[in-house]
Amino acid sequence: RIHLGPMMEHMVFEGEALGVILALDIIKQSLRIKKAAILLDNQAAITSMRDVGSKSGQ
């Protein structure tokens, strides 16, 4: 269990994005997992992950 802090300081998408990162870490560490699906319905979290590292010229 991870606590990000007060709700006044964090948005829902931050929690959902952290959940995806933690899921990816579990998948990465497991030798038994060959295929995985991570379901996410928060558009802001999906967009932020899609855009990571895609900016050119930086």
N, C-alpha and C. Protein backbone atom coordinates (compact mmCIF):
# COMPACT_ATOMS: atom_id res chain seq x y z
N ARG A 1 0.85 -1.17 0.00
CA ARG A 1 0.00 0.00 0.00
C ARG A 1 0.90 1.24 0.00
N ILE A 2 0.55 2.19 -0.86
CA ILE A 2 1.33 3.42 -0.96
C ILE A 2 0.41 4.61 -0.73
N HIS A 3 0.89 5.57 0.03
CA HIS A 3 0.11 6.78 0.31
C HIS A 3 0.82 7.96 -0.36
N LEU A 4 0.14 8.61 -1.29
CA LEU A 4 0.74 9.75 -1.99
C LEU A 4 0.74 11.02 -1.16
N GLY A 5 -0.25 11.15 -0.29
CA GLY A 5 -0.39 12.36 0.51
C GLY A 5 -1.83 12.83 0.47
N PRO A 6 -2.09 14.01 1.00
CA PRO A 6 -3.46 14.53 1.05
C PRO A 6 -4.06 14.71 -0.35
N MET A 7 -5.37 14.48 -0.46
CA MET A 7 -6.06 14.63 -1.75
C MET A 7 -5.95 16.05 -2.28
N MET A 8 -5.75 17.02 -1.39
CA MET A 8 -5.64 18.41 -1.82
C MET A 8 -4.35 18.65 -2.61
N GLU A 9 -3.37 17.76 -2.47
CA GLU A 9 -2.08 17.93 -3.13
C GLU A 9 -1.91 17.06 -4.37
N HIS A 10 -2.81 16.11 -4.58
CA HIS A 10 -2.66 15.17 -5.69
C HIS A 10 -3.96 14.99 -6.44
N MET A 11 -3.86 14.71 -7.72
CA MET A 11 -5.04 14.46 -8.54
C MET A 11 -5.24 12.96 -8.72
N VAL A 12 -6.45 12.57 -9.08
CA VAL A 12 -6.78 11.16 -9.26
C VAL A 12 -5.85 10.52 -10.27
N PHE A 13 -5.55 11.22 -11.36
CA PHE A 13 -4.72 10.60 -12.39
C PHE A 13 -3.33 10.25 -11.86
N GLU A 14 -2.83 11.00 -10.88
CA GLU A 14 -1.52 10.66 -10.30
C GLU A 14 -1.57 9.30 -9.60
N GLY A 15 -2.64 9.06 -8.89
CA GLY A 15 -2.81 7.77 -8.22
C GLY A 15 -2.94 6.64 -9.22
N GLU A 16 -3.72 6.88 -10.27
CA GLU A 16 -3.90 5.84 -11.30
C GLU A 16 -2.59 5.60 -12.06
N ALA A 17 -1.85 6.66 -12.34
CA ALA A 17 -0.57 6.50 -13.04
C ALA A 17 0.41 5.72 -12.16
N LEU A 18 0.42 6.00 -10.88
CA LEU A 18 1.28 5.26 -9.96
C LEU A 18 0.88 3.79 -9.93
N GLY A 19 -0.41 3.52 -9.98
CA GLY A 19 -0.88 2.13 -10.03
C GLY A 19 -0.35 1.40 -11.24
N VAL A 20 -0.33 2.07 -12.38
CA VAL A 20 0.19 1.45 -13.61
C VAL A 20 1.69 1.20 -13.46
N ILE A 21 2.41 2.15 -12.92
CA ILE A 21 3.85 1.99 -12.73
C ILE A 21 4.14 0.81 -11.80
N LEU A 22 3.37 0.70 -10.72
CA LEU A 22 3.56 -0.42 -9.80
C LEU A 22 3.23 -1.75 -10.48
N ALA A 23 2.17 -1.77 -11.28
CA ALA A 23 1.81 -2.99 -12.01
C ALA A 23 2.93 -3.39 -12.98
N LEU A 24 3.48 -2.41 -13.68
CA LEU A 24 4.58 -2.70 -14.60
C LEU A 24 5.80 -3.24 -13.86
N ASP A 25 6.05 -2.72 -12.67
CA ASP A 25 7.17 -3.20 -11.87
C ASP A 25 6.97 -4.65 -11.46
N ILE A 26 5.74 -4.99 -11.05
CA ILE A 26 5.44 -6.37 -10.68
C ILE A 26 5.62 -7.29 -11.88
N ILE A 27 5.11 -6.87 -13.03
CA ILE A 27 5.24 -7.67 -14.25
C ILE A 27 6.71 -7.87 -14.61
N LYS A 28 7.48 -6.81 -14.50
CA LYS A 28 8.90 -6.87 -14.85
C LYS A 28 9.66 -7.84 -13.94
N GLN A 29 9.30 -7.87 -12.67
CA GLN A 29 10.02 -8.70 -11.71
C GLN A 29 9.62 -10.18 -11.76
N SER A 30 8.46 -10.46 -12.33
CA SER A 30 7.97 -11.84 -12.36
C SER A 30 8.47 -12.57 -13.60
N LEU A 31 9.09 -13.71 -13.38
CA LEU A 31 9.57 -14.51 -14.50
C LEU A 31 8.44 -15.34 -15.11
N ARG A 32 7.36 -15.53 -14.38
CA ARG A 32 6.26 -16.36 -14.84
C ARG A 32 5.29 -15.62 -15.76
N ILE A 33 5.22 -14.33 -15.67
CA ILE A 33 4.25 -13.58 -16.46
C ILE A 33 4.77 -13.42 -17.88
N LYS A 34 4.05 -13.96 -18.82
CA LYS A 34 4.43 -13.88 -20.24
C LYS A 34 3.60 -12.84 -20.98
N LYS A 35 2.40 -12.60 -20.49
CA LYS A 35 1.48 -11.68 -21.15
C LYS A 35 0.66 -10.98 -20.06
N ALA A 36 0.42 -9.69 -20.22
CA ALA A 36 -0.35 -8.96 -19.21
C ALA A 36 -1.18 -7.87 -19.88
N ALA A 37 -2.27 -7.54 -19.23
CA ALA A 37 -3.11 -6.42 -19.68
C ALA A 37 -3.33 -5.52 -18.48
N ILE A 38 -3.11 -4.24 -18.67
CA ILE A 38 -3.37 -3.25 -17.63
C ILE A 38 -4.51 -2.39 -18.14
N LEU A 39 -5.63 -2.42 -17.43
CA LEU A 39 -6.81 -1.67 -17.83
C LEU A 39 -6.85 -0.35 -17.08
N LEU A 40 -7.11 0.72 -17.80
CA LEU A 40 -7.10 2.06 -17.22
C LEU A 40 -8.17 2.89 -17.89
N ASP A 41 -8.97 3.59 -17.10
CA ASP A 41 -10.04 4.39 -17.68
C ASP A 41 -9.87 5.89 -17.45
N ASN A 42 -8.72 6.30 -16.97
CA ASN A 42 -8.48 7.71 -16.71
C ASN A 42 -7.73 8.31 -17.90
N GLN A 43 -8.43 9.13 -18.67
CA GLN A 43 -7.86 9.68 -19.91
C GLN A 43 -6.58 10.49 -19.65
N ALA A 44 -6.56 11.25 -18.56
CA ALA A 44 -5.37 12.06 -18.25
C ALA A 44 -4.15 11.17 -17.98
N ALA A 45 -4.35 10.08 -17.27
CA ALA A 45 -3.24 9.16 -16.99
C ALA A 45 -2.78 8.47 -18.26
N ILE A 46 -3.73 8.06 -19.09
CA ILE A 46 -3.38 7.40 -20.36
C ILE A 46 -2.57 8.35 -21.24
N THR A 47 -3.04 9.57 -21.37
CA THR A 47 -2.37 10.57 -22.22
C THR A 47 -0.98 10.89 -21.68
N SER A 48 -0.85 11.03 -20.36
CA SER A 48 0.46 11.38 -19.80
C SER A 48 1.47 10.27 -20.04
N MET A 49 1.03 9.03 -20.01
CA MET A 49 1.96 7.91 -20.26
C MET A 49 2.29 7.78 -21.73
N ARG A 50 1.34 8.06 -22.57
CA ARG A 50 1.58 7.99 -24.01
C ARG A 50 2.60 9.04 -24.43
N ASP A 51 2.58 10.20 -23.80
CA ASP A 51 3.43 11.32 -24.19
C ASP A 51 4.82 11.30 -23.55
N VAL A 52 5.09 10.38 -22.65
CA VAL A 52 6.40 10.33 -21.99
C VAL A 52 7.49 10.05 -23.02
N GLY A 53 8.47 10.92 -23.08
CA GLY A 53 9.61 10.72 -23.96
C GLY A 53 9.36 10.97 -25.43
N SER A 54 8.19 11.48 -25.78
CA SER A 54 7.90 11.67 -27.21
C SER A 54 8.20 13.09 -27.69
N LYS A 55 8.68 13.94 -26.81
CA LYS A 55 8.97 15.32 -27.20
C LYS A 55 10.34 15.39 -27.86
N SER A 56 10.38 15.95 -29.04
CA SER A 56 11.66 16.05 -29.74
C SER A 56 12.36 17.36 -29.41
N GLY A 57 13.66 17.38 -29.57
CA GLY A 57 14.43 18.59 -29.36
C GLY A 57 14.73 18.91 -27.92
N GLN A 58 14.52 17.98 -27.03
CA GLN A 58 14.81 18.24 -25.62
C GLN A 58 15.88 17.31 -25.12
